[in-house]
Structures are given as C-alpha cells and as structure tokens.
Amino acid sequence: MGLKTIPFDPADYLSSEADVVDWLKIWMQDGSPEEIAKAIGDIARSQGMTEIARKTGLGRQALYNALSERGNPTLETLMAVLDALGLQLTVQRKAA
C-alpha cells in the first residue's frame, strides 16, 4: 500500500494573531508579489473568506482569484483585505 498524502493548506494552521503576523512577515521579507498576495489569501481563508468579502464589500470569488498564486490584486484590494484582517501595511528601511 502506497503512502497517502493530503495537500498542505497553511490556512489550517494560522490560528493565532502571532501566527498570522509571522506568516505575512516571512513572505514580505523575501517573497515575490505573487507569493505575498497568496500569503494574504492564506490568512483571509483562515479567517473565513465570506467574512472578509463582507467586510471589504468585494465578491468572495473575486477575492479568491485576486489572492491566488495567479492573482494580481490591486493595491486597493490589498488594503481593503488587510484592513478587514485588522492589519496595516507599513514601510521601514531595509537592513543593510
């Protein structure tokens, strides 16, 4: 009998505020724009995409598409999602 595997979904493991912040920080440091958008999507799914859609006023399917590996969300969408998640985008100088 072969080894059975199931797909890994990070959203299943982002259960605390610290997990969420750490997950996003990791991707913000070294991730591509697509990976960062997907990480935000992971967080949104962990909180419930229907609730995030309600808070942002955006369609649930549109959010799934924008925050997927192939999505390309606008800054407006990202800001709305981050706000719905209780997060904010900040800027700091890169470490040398």
PDB file of N, CA and C in Angstrom:
ATOM      1  N   MET A   1       0.851  -1.176   0.000  1.00  0.00           N
ATOM      2  CA  MET A   1       0.000   0.000   0.000  1.00  0.00           C
ATOM      3  C   MET A   1       0.895   1.237   0.000  1.00  0.00           C
ATOM      4  N   GLY A   2       0.602   2.171  -0.878  1.00  0.00           N
ATOM      5  CA  GLY A   2       1.400   3.381  -1.024  1.00  0.00           C
ATOM      6  C   GLY A   2       1.116   4.402   0.071  1.00  0.00           C
ATOM      7  N   LEU A   3       2.002   5.339   0.168  1.00  0.00           N
ATOM      8  CA  LEU A   3       1.874   6.422   1.131  1.00  0.00           C
ATOM      9  C   LEU A   3       0.785   7.378   0.677  1.00  0.00           C
ATOM     10  N   LYS A   4      -0.149   7.688   1.549  1.00  0.00           N
ATOM     11  CA  LYS A   4      -1.218   8.619   1.221  1.00  0.00           C
ATOM     12  C   LYS A   4      -0.851   9.996   1.759  1.00  0.00           C
ATOM     13  N   THR A   5      -1.014  10.989   0.935  1.00  0.00           N
ATOM     14  CA  THR A   5      -0.739  12.361   1.347  1.00  0.00           C
ATOM     15  C   THR A   5      -1.964  13.228   1.093  1.00  0.00           C
ATOM     16  N   ILE A   6      -2.018  14.332   1.766  1.00  0.00           N
ATOM     17  CA  ILE A   6      -3.079  15.305   1.531  1.00  0.00           C
ATOM     18  C   ILE A   6      -2.411  16.652   1.276  1.00  0.00           C
ATOM     19  N   PRO A   7      -3.061  17.515   0.512  1.00  0.00           N
ATOM     20  CA  PRO A   7      -2.466  18.820   0.239  1.00  0.00           C
ATOM     21  C   PRO A   7      -2.313  19.633   1.531  1.00  0.00           C
ATOM     22  N   PHE A   8      -1.199  20.362   1.624  1.00  0.00           N
ATOM     23  CA  PHE A   8      -0.958  21.230   2.766  1.00  0.00           C
ATOM     24  C   PHE A   8      -1.657  22.564   2.520  1.00  0.00           C
ATOM     25  N   ASP A   9      -2.439  23.015   3.475  1.00  0.00           N
ATOM     26  CA  ASP A   9      -3.106  24.313   3.388  1.00  0.00           C
ATOM     27  C   ASP A   9      -2.703  25.133   4.602  1.00  0.00           C
ATOM     28  N   PRO A  10      -1.862  26.169   4.407  1.00  0.00           N
ATOM     29  CA  PRO A  10      -1.409  26.973   5.540  1.00  0.00           C
ATOM     30  C   PRO A  10      -2.563  27.614   6.307  1.00  0.00           C
ATOM     31  N   ALA A  11      -3.675  27.859   5.641  1.00  0.00           N
ATOM     32  CA  ALA A  11      -4.816  28.488   6.311  1.00  0.00           C
ATOM     33  C   ALA A  11      -5.299  27.645   7.496  1.00  0.00           C
ATOM     34  N   ASP A  12      -5.071  26.347   7.433  1.00  0.00           N
ATOM     35  CA  ASP A  12      -5.487  25.464   8.527  1.00  0.00           C
ATOM     36  C   ASP A  12      -4.647  25.655   9.790  1.00  0.00           C
ATOM     37  N   TYR A  13      -3.515  26.335   9.664  1.00  0.00           N
ATOM     38  CA  TYR A  13      -2.586  26.462  10.786  1.00  0.00           C
ATOM     39  C   TYR A  13      -2.380  27.898  11.255  1.00  0.00           C
ATOM     40  N   LEU A  14      -3.087  28.838  10.665  1.00  0.00           N
ATOM     41  CA  LEU A  14      -2.956  30.245  11.050  1.00  0.00           C
ATOM     42  C   LEU A  14      -4.066  30.584  12.039  1.00  0.00           C
ATOM     43  N   SER A  15      -3.911  30.103  13.255  1.00  0.00           N
ATOM     44  CA  SER A  15      -4.996  30.207  14.227  1.00  0.00           C
ATOM     45  C   SER A  15      -4.832  31.340  15.224  1.00  0.00           C
ATOM     46  N   SER A  16      -3.647  31.902  15.346  1.00  0.00           N
ATOM     47  CA  SER A  16      -3.466  32.993  16.309  1.00  0.00           C
ATOM     48  C   SER A  16      -2.979  34.243  15.585  1.00  0.00           C
ATOM     49  N   GLU A  17      -3.114  35.372  16.244  1.00  0.00           N
ATOM     50  CA  GLU A  17      -2.641  36.638  15.683  1.00  0.00           C
ATOM     51  C   GLU A  17      -1.141  36.569  15.412  1.00  0.00           C
ATOM     52  N   ALA A  18      -0.394  35.955  16.321  1.00  0.00           N
ATOM     53  CA  ALA A  18       1.054  35.825  16.143  1.00  0.00           C
ATOM     54  C   ALA A  18       1.372  34.989  14.910  1.00  0.00           C
ATOM     55  N   ASP A  19       0.631  33.903  14.685  1.00  0.00           N
ATOM     56  CA  ASP A  19       0.838  33.067  13.500  1.00  0.00           C
ATOM     57  C   ASP A  19       0.625  33.884  12.228  1.00  0.00           C
ATOM     58  N   VAL A  20      -0.440  34.661  12.218  1.00  0.00           N
ATOM     59  CA  VAL A  20      -0.795  35.476  11.058  1.00  0.00           C
ATOM     60  C   VAL A  20       0.304  36.493  10.763  1.00  0.00           C
ATOM     61  N   VAL A  21       0.725  37.221  11.784  1.00  0.00           N
ATOM     62  CA  VAL A  21       1.750  38.248  11.600  1.00  0.00           C
ATOM     63  C   VAL A  21       3.067  37.618  11.153  1.00  0.00           C
ATOM     64  N   ASP A  22       3.456  36.524  11.781  1.00  0.00           N
ATOM     65  CA  ASP A  22       4.704  35.856  11.398  1.00  0.00           C
ATOM     66  C   ASP A  22       4.647  35.348   9.957  1.00  0.00           C
ATOM     67  N   TRP A  23       3.537  34.758   9.574  1.00  0.00           N
ATOM     68  CA  TRP A  23       3.374  34.225   8.218  1.00  0.00           C
ATOM     69  C   TRP A  23       3.549  35.342   7.182  1.00  0.00           C
ATOM     70  N   LEU A  24       2.908  36.464   7.431  1.00  0.00           N
ATOM     71  CA  LEU A  24       2.992  37.568   6.489  1.00  0.00           C
ATOM     72  C   LEU A  24       4.386  38.204   6.492  1.00  0.00           C
ATOM     73  N   LYS A  25       4.995  38.320   7.652  1.00  0.00           N
ATOM     74  CA  LYS A  25       6.353  38.883   7.724  1.00  0.00           C
ATOM     75  C   LYS A  25       7.346  38.056   6.919  1.00  0.00           C
ATOM     76  N   ILE A  26       7.245  36.751   7.027  1.00  0.00           N
ATOM     77  CA  ILE A  26       8.144  35.860   6.286  1.00  0.00           C
ATOM     78  C   ILE A  26       8.045  36.125   4.790  1.00  0.00           C
ATOM     79  N   TRP A  27       6.820  36.186   4.283  1.00  0.00           N
ATOM     80  CA  TRP A  27       6.635  36.381   2.851  1.00  0.00           C
ATOM     81  C   TRP A  27       6.974  37.798   2.420  1.00  0.00           C
ATOM     82  N   MET A  28       6.733  38.783   3.281  1.00  0.00           N
ATOM     83  CA  MET A  28       7.060  40.167   2.939  1.00  0.00           C
ATOM     84  C   MET A  28       8.578  40.365   2.832  1.00  0.00           C
ATOM     85  N   GLN A  29       9.352  39.611   3.573  1.00  0.00           N
ATOM     86  CA  GLN A  29      10.808  39.759   3.551  1.00  0.00           C
ATOM     87  C   GLN A  29      11.422  39.266   2.245  1.00  0.00           C
ATOM     88  N   ASP A  30      11.005  38.117   1.777  1.00  0.00           N
ATOM     89  CA  ASP A  30      11.690  37.505   0.641  1.00  0.00           C
ATOM     90  C   ASP A  30      10.760  37.043  -0.482  1.00  0.00           C
ATOM     91  N   GLY A  31       9.479  37.242  -0.332  1.00  0.00           N
ATOM     92  CA  GLY A  31       8.546  36.715  -1.317  1.00  0.00           C
ATOM     93  C   GLY A  31       8.361  37.617  -2.520  1.00  0.00           C
ATOM     94  N   SER A  32       7.947  37.000  -3.607  1.00  0.00           N
ATOM     95  CA  SER A  32       7.578  37.746  -4.805  1.00  0.00           C
ATOM     96  C   SER A  32       6.205  38.378  -4.569  1.00  0.00           C
ATOM     97  N   PRO A  33       5.812  39.337  -5.401  1.00  0.00           N
ATOM     98  CA  PRO A  33       4.466  39.909  -5.253  1.00  0.00           C
ATOM     99  C   PRO A  33       3.367  38.839  -5.283  1.00  0.00           C
ATOM    100  N   GLU A  34       3.536  37.842  -6.141  1.00  0.00           N
ATOM    101  CA  GLU A  34       2.535  36.771  -6.220  1.00  0.00           C
ATOM    102  C   GLU A  34       2.489  35.964  -4.931  1.00  0.00           C
ATOM    103  N   GLU A  35       3.659  35.690  -4.358  1.00  0.00           N
ATOM    104  CA  GLU A  35       3.712  34.921  -3.109  1.00  0.00           C
ATOM    105  C   GLU A  35       3.125  35.719  -1.944  1.00  0.00           C
ATOM    106  N   ILE A  36       3.358  37.011  -1.929  1.00  0.00           N
ATOM    107  CA  ILE A  36       2.804  37.863  -0.871  1.00  0.00           C
ATOM    108  C   ILE A  36       1.280  37.899  -0.979  1.00  0.00           C
ATOM    109  N   ALA A  37       0.772  38.055  -2.190  1.00  0.00           N
ATOM    110  CA  ALA A  37      -0.685  38.053  -2.381  1.00  0.00           C
ATOM    111  C   ALA A  37      -1.280  36.715  -1.941  1.00  0.00           C
ATOM    112  N   LYS A  38      -0.600  35.620  -2.275  1.00  0.00           N
ATOM    113  CA  LYS A  38      -1.086  34.296  -1.861  1.00  0.00           C
ATOM    114  C   LYS A  38      -1.056  34.157  -0.342  1.00  0.00           C
ATOM    115  N   ALA A  39      -0.005  34.678   0.307  1.00  0.00           N
ATOM    116  CA  ALA A  39       0.076  34.617   1.772  1.00  0.00           C
ATOM    117  C   ALA A  39      -1.081  35.384   2.407  1.00  0.00           C
ATOM    118  N   ILE A  40      -1.417  36.536   1.833  1.00  0.00           N
ATOM    119  CA  ILE A  40      -2.571  37.294   2.335  1.00  0.00           C
ATOM    120  C   ILE A  40      -3.848  36.492   2.107  1.00  0.00           C
ATOM    121  N   GLY A  41      -3.912  35.805   0.976  1.00  0.00           N
ATOM    122  CA  GLY A  41      -5.053  34.923   0.714  1.00  0.00           C
ATOM    123  C   GLY A  41      -5.143  33.783   1.716  1.00  0.00           C
ATOM    124  N   ASP A  42      -3.993  33.214   2.091  1.00  0.00           N
ATOM    125  CA  ASP A  42      -3.978  32.159   3.114  1.00  0.00           C
ATOM    126  C   ASP A  42      -4.569  32.688   4.415  1.00  0.00           C
ATOM    127  N   ILE A  43      -4.163  33.892   4.787  1.00  0.00           N
ATOM    128  CA  ILE A  43      -4.656  34.494   6.026  1.00  0.00           C
ATOM    129  C   ILE A  43      -6.149  34.765   5.920  1.00  0.00           C
ATOM    130  N   ALA A  44      -6.580  35.303   4.793  1.00  0.00           N
ATOM    131  CA  ALA A  44      -8.004  35.588   4.598  1.00  0.00           C
ATOM    132  C   ALA A  44      -8.831  34.307   4.699  1.00  0.00           C
ATOM    133  N   ARG A  45      -8.339  33.223   4.083  1.00  0.00           N
ATOM    134  CA  ARG A  45      -9.066  31.945   4.165  1.00  0.00           C
ATOM    135  C   ARG A  45      -9.101  31.429   5.590  1.00  0.00           C
ATOM    136  N   SER A  46      -8.025  31.669   6.348  1.00  0.00           N
ATOM    137  CA  SER A  46      -8.000  31.198   7.740  1.00  0.00           C
ATOM    138  C   SER A  46      -9.044  31.928   8.591  1.00  0.00           C
ATOM    139  N   GLN A  47      -9.389  33.134   8.191  1.00  0.00           N
ATOM    140  CA  GLN A  47     -10.373  33.939   8.922  1.00  0.00           C
ATOM    141  C   GLN A  47     -11.789  33.742   8.384  1.00  0.00           C
ATOM    142  N   GLY A  48     -11.889  33.151   7.204  1.00  0.00           N
ATOM    143  CA  GLY A  48     -13.181  32.942   6.558  1.00  0.00           C
ATOM    144  C   GLY A  48     -13.359  33.934   5.420  1.00  0.00           C
ATOM    145  N   MET A  49     -13.254  33.460   4.193  1.00  0.00           N
ATOM    146  CA  MET A  49     -13.312  34.354   3.038  1.00  0.00           C
ATOM    147  C   MET A  49     -14.668  35.042   2.913  1.00  0.00           C
ATOM    148  N   THR A  50     -15.734  34.381   3.324  1.00  0.00           N
ATOM    149  CA  THR A  50     -17.048  35.010   3.265  1.00  0.00           C
ATOM    150  C   THR A  50     -17.096  36.235   4.167  1.00  0.00           C
ATOM    151  N   GLU A  51     -16.528  36.131   5.349  1.00  0.00           N
ATOM    152  CA  GLU A  51     -16.494  37.255   6.285  1.00  0.00           C
ATOM    153  C   GLU A  51     -15.608  38.379   5.753  1.00  0.00           C
ATOM    154  N   ILE A  52     -14.474  38.039   5.161  1.00  0.00           N
ATOM    155  CA  ILE A  52     -13.591  39.050   4.592  1.00  0.00           C
ATOM    156  C   ILE A  52     -14.289  39.748   3.427  1.00  0.00           C
ATOM    157  N   ALA A  53     -14.987  38.995   2.606  1.00  0.00           N
ATOM    158  CA  ALA A  53     -15.744  39.588   1.494  1.00  0.00           C
ATOM    159  C   ALA A  53     -16.796  40.560   2.025  1.00  0.00           C
ATOM    160  N   ARG A  54     -17.474  40.173   3.078  1.00  0.00           N
ATOM    161  CA  ARG A  54     -18.488  41.050   3.660  1.00  0.00           C
ATOM    162  C   ARG A  54     -17.862  42.339   4.176  1.00  0.00           C
ATOM    163  N   LYS A  55     -16.746  42.214   4.882  1.00  0.00           N
ATOM    164  CA  LYS A  55     -16.088  43.393   5.459  1.00  0.00           C
ATOM    165  C   LYS A  55     -15.511  44.326   4.394  1.00  0.00           C
ATOM    166  N   THR A  56     -15.058  43.762   3.284  1.00  0.00           N
ATOM    167  CA  THR A  56     -14.435  44.583   2.242  1.00  0.00           C
ATOM    168  C   THR A  56     -15.432  45.092   1.211  1.00  0.00           C
ATOM    169  N   GLY A  57     -16.579  44.435   1.127  1.00  0.00           N
ATOM    170  CA  GLY A  57     -17.541  44.788   0.089  1.00  0.00           C
ATOM    171  C   GLY A  57     -17.169  44.220  -1.275  1.00  0.00           C
ATOM    172  N   LEU A  58     -16.215  43.309  -1.286  1.00  0.00           N
ATOM    173  CA  LEU A  58     -15.780  42.678  -2.531  1.00  0.00           C
ATOM    174  C   LEU A  58     -16.368  41.278  -2.624  1.00  0.00           C
ATOM    175  N   GLY A  59     -16.500  40.777  -3.822  1.00  0.00           N
ATOM    176  CA  GLY A  59     -17.046  39.444  -4.022  1.00  0.00           C
ATOM    177  C   GLY A  59     -16.088  38.366  -3.523  1.00  0.00           C
ATOM    178  N   ARG A  60     -16.655  37.325  -2.948  1.00  0.00           N
ATOM    179  CA  ARG A  60     -15.849  36.232  -2.412  1.00  0.00           C
ATOM    180  C   ARG A  60     -15.002  35.586  -3.508  1.00  0.00           C
ATOM    181  N   GLN A  61     -15.596  35.295  -4.656  1.00  0.00           N
ATOM    182  CA  GLN A  61     -14.858  34.667  -5.741  1.00  0.00           C
ATOM    183  C   GLN A  61     -13.783  35.603  -6.284  1.00  0.00           C
ATOM    184  N   ALA A  62     -14.081  36.896  -6.343  1.00  0.00           N
ATOM    185  CA  ALA A  62     -13.082  37.872  -6.803  1.00  0.00           C
ATOM    186  C   ALA A  62     -11.888  37.885  -5.848  1.00  0.00           C
ATOM    187  N   LEU A  63     -12.144  37.755  -4.549  1.00  0.00           N
ATOM    188  CA  LEU A  63     -11.058  37.704  -3.575  1.00  0.00           C
ATOM    189  C   LEU A  63     -10.231  36.431  -3.737  1.00  0.00           C
ATOM    190  N   TYR A  64     -10.910  35.297  -3.917  1.00  0.00           N
ATOM    191  CA  TYR A  64     -10.174  34.045  -4.150  1.00  0.00           C
ATOM    192  C   TYR A  64      -9.261  34.185  -5.362  1.00  0.00           C
ATOM    193  N   ASN A  65      -9.774  34.784  -6.435  1.00  0.00           N
ATOM    194  CA  ASN A  65      -8.985  34.936  -7.654  1.00  0.00           C
ATOM    195  C   ASN A  65      -7.821  35.900  -7.442  1.00  0.00           C
ATOM    196  N   ALA A  66      -8.093  37.052  -6.838  1.00  0.00           N
ATOM    197  CA  ALA A  66      -7.054  38.076  -6.649  1.00  0.00           C
ATOM    198  C   ALA A  66      -5.947  37.591  -5.723  1.00  0.00           C
ATOM    199  N   LEU A  67      -6.303  36.791  -4.722  1.00  0.00           N
ATOM    200  CA  LEU A  67      -5.346  36.359  -3.708  1.00  0.00           C
ATOM    201  C   LEU A  67      -4.846  34.941  -3.943  1.00  0.00           C
ATOM    202  N   SER A  68      -4.855  34.525  -5.184  1.00  0.00           N
ATOM    203  CA  SER A  68      -4.347  33.197  -5.541  1.00  0.00           C
ATOM    204  C   SER A  68      -2.934  33.339  -6.096  1.00  0.00           C
ATOM    205  N   GLU A  69      -2.310  32.207  -6.405  1.00  0.00           N
ATOM    206  CA  GLU A  69      -0.959  32.213  -6.963  1.00  0.00           C
ATOM    207  C   GLU A  69      -0.891  32.953  -8.295  1.00  0.00           C
ATOM    208  N   ARG A  70      -1.983  32.958  -9.032  1.00  0.00           N
ATOM    209  CA  ARG A  70      -2.007  33.617 -10.333  1.00  0.00           C
ATOM    210  C   ARG A  70      -2.705  34.973 -10.281  1.00  0.00           C
ATOM    211  N   GLY A  71      -3.147  35.378  -9.102  1.00  0.00           N
ATOM    212  CA  GLY A  71      -3.847  36.646  -8.973  1.00  0.00           C
ATOM    213  C   GLY A  71      -2.911  37.835  -9.037  1.00  0.00           C
ATOM    214  N   ASN A  72      -3.485  38.984  -9.287  1.00  0.00           N
ATOM    215  CA  ASN A  72      -2.720  40.224  -9.328  1.00  0.00           C
ATOM    216  C   ASN A  72      -3.604  41.309  -8.723  1.00  0.00           C
ATOM    217  N   PRO A  73      -3.757  41.294  -7.397  1.00  0.00           N
ATOM    218  CA  PRO A  73      -4.688  42.225  -6.764  1.00  0.00           C
ATOM    219  C   PRO A  73      -4.197  43.670  -6.858  1.00  0.00           C
ATOM    220  N   THR A  74      -5.143  44.568  -6.908  1.00  0.00           N
ATOM    221  CA  THR A  74      -4.796  45.987  -6.884  1.00  0.00           C
ATOM    222  C   THR A  74      -4.399  46.372  -5.465  1.00  0.00           C
ATOM    223  N   LEU A  75      -3.729  47.493  -5.351  1.00  0.00           N
ATOM    224  CA  LEU A  75      -3.380  48.000  -4.031  1.00  0.00           C
ATOM    225  C   LEU A  75      -4.646  48.271  -3.227  1.00  0.00           C
ATOM    226  N   GLU A  76      -5.677  48.732  -3.888  1.00  0.00           N
ATOM    227  CA  GLU A  76      -6.958  48.988  -3.216  1.00  0.00           C
ATOM    228  C   GLU A  76      -7.520  47.706  -2.599  1.00  0.00           C
ATOM    229  N   THR A  77      -7.459  46.610  -3.344  1.00  0.00           N
ATOM    230  CA  THR A  77      -7.938  45.325  -2.831  1.00  0.00           C
ATOM    231  C   THR A  77      -7.088  44.863  -1.654  1.00  0.00           C
ATOM    232  N   LEU A  78      -5.766  44.938  -1.804  1.00  0.00           N
ATOM    233  CA  LEU A  78      -4.881  44.520  -0.711  1.00  0.00           C
ATOM    234  C   LEU A  78      -5.136  45.330   0.554  1.00  0.00           C
ATOM    235  N   MET A  79      -5.285  46.639   0.400  1.00  0.00           N
ATOM    236  CA  MET A  79      -5.518  47.489   1.568  1.00  0.00           C
ATOM    237  C   MET A  79      -6.855  47.151   2.233  1.00  0.00           C
ATOM    238  N   ALA A  80      -7.876  46.888   1.431  1.00  0.00           N
ATOM    239  CA  ALA A  80      -9.190  46.535   1.978  1.00  0.00           C
ATOM    240  C   ALA A  80      -9.118  45.207   2.734  1.00  0.00           C
ATOM    241  N   VAL A  81      -8.415  44.235   2.172  1.00  0.00           N
ATOM    242  CA  VAL A  81      -8.296  42.925   2.821  1.00  0.00           C
ATOM    243  C   VAL A  81      -7.486  43.044   4.107  1.00  0.00           C
ATOM    244  N   LEU A  82      -6.361  43.736   4.043  1.00  0.00           N
ATOM    245  CA  LEU A  82      -5.554  43.911   5.253  1.00  0.00           C
ATOM    246  C   LEU A  82      -6.357  44.604   6.340  1.00  0.00           C
ATOM    247  N   ASP A  83      -7.123  45.622   5.979  1.00  0.00           N
ATOM    248  CA  ASP A  83      -7.961  46.316   6.966  1.00  0.00           C
ATOM    249  C   ASP A  83      -8.995  45.358   7.561  1.00  0.00           C
ATOM    250  N   ALA A  84      -9.617  44.555   6.724  1.00  0.00           N
ATOM    251  CA  ALA A  84     -10.612  43.582   7.212  1.00  0.00           C
ATOM    252  C   ALA A  84      -9.976  42.557   8.145  1.00  0.00           C
ATOM    253  N   LEU A  85      -8.692  42.295   7.942  1.00  0.00           N
ATOM    254  CA  LEU A  85      -7.968  41.347   8.796  1.00  0.00           C
ATOM    255  C   LEU A  85      -7.414  42.005  10.058  1.00  0.00           C
ATOM    256  N   GLY A  86      -7.587  43.320  10.166  1.00  0.00           N
ATOM    257  CA  GLY A  86      -7.051  44.036  11.320  1.00  0.00           C
ATOM    258  C   GLY A  86      -5.557  44.274  11.205  1.00  0.00           C
ATOM    259  N   LEU A  87      -5.055  44.303   9.970  1.00  0.00           N
ATOM    260  CA  LEU A  87      -3.633  44.511   9.716  1.00  0.00           C
ATOM    261  C   LEU A  87      -3.443  45.814   8.952  1.00  0.00           C
ATOM    262  N   GLN A  88      -2.229  46.323   8.967  1.00  0.00           N
ATOM    263  CA  GLN A  88      -1.919  47.510   8.178  1.00  0.00           C
ATOM    264  C   GLN A  88      -0.577  47.335   7.492  1.00  0.00           C
ATOM    265  N   LEU A  89      -0.429  48.000   6.372  1.00  0.00           N
ATOM    266  CA  LEU A  89       0.810  47.970   5.619  1.00  0.00           C
ATOM    267  C   LEU A  89       1.706  49.086   6.139  1.00  0.00           C
ATOM    268  N   THR A  90       2.945  48.754   6.465  1.00  0.00           N
ATOM    269  CA  THR A  90       3.891  49.753   6.925  1.00  0.00           C
ATOM    270  C   THR A  90       5.171  49.638   6.112  1.00  0.00           C
ATOM    271  N   VAL A  91       5.993  50.669   6.197  1.00  0.00           N
ATOM    272  CA  VAL A  91       7.247  50.694   5.449  1.00  0.00           C
ATOM    273  C   VAL A  91       8.369  50.981   6.431  1.00  0.00           C
ATOM    274  N   GLN A  92       9.494  50.318   6.225  1.00  0.00           N
ATOM    275  CA  GLN A  92      10.682  50.604   7.012  1.00  0.00           C
ATOM    276  C   GLN A  92      11.897  50.429   6.120  1.00  0.00           C
ATOM    277  N   ARG A  93      12.972  51.023   6.499  1.00  0.00           N
ATOM    278  CA  ARG A  93      14.203  50.935   5.733  1.00  0.00           C
ATOM    279  C   ARG A  93      14.729  49.495   5.778  1.00  0.00           C
ATOM    280  N   LYS A  94      15.229  49.033   4.631  1.00  0.00           N
ATOM    281  CA  LYS A  94      15.807  47.699   4.549  1.00  0.00           C
ATOM    282  C   LYS A  94      17.072  47.619   5.396  1.00  0.00           C
ATOM    283  N   ALA A  95      17.296  46.449   5.953  1.00  0.00           N
ATOM    284  CA  ALA A  95      18.547  46.212   6.678  1.00  0.00           C
ATOM    285  C   ALA A  95      19.692  46.188   5.682  1.00  0.00           C
ATOM    286  N   ALA A  96      20.813  46.719   6.084  1.00  0.00           N
ATOM    287  CA  ALA A  96      21.972  46.780   5.170  1.00  0.00           C
ATOM    288  C   ALA A  96      22.584  45.442   4.925  1.00  0.00           C
TER     289      ALA A  96
END
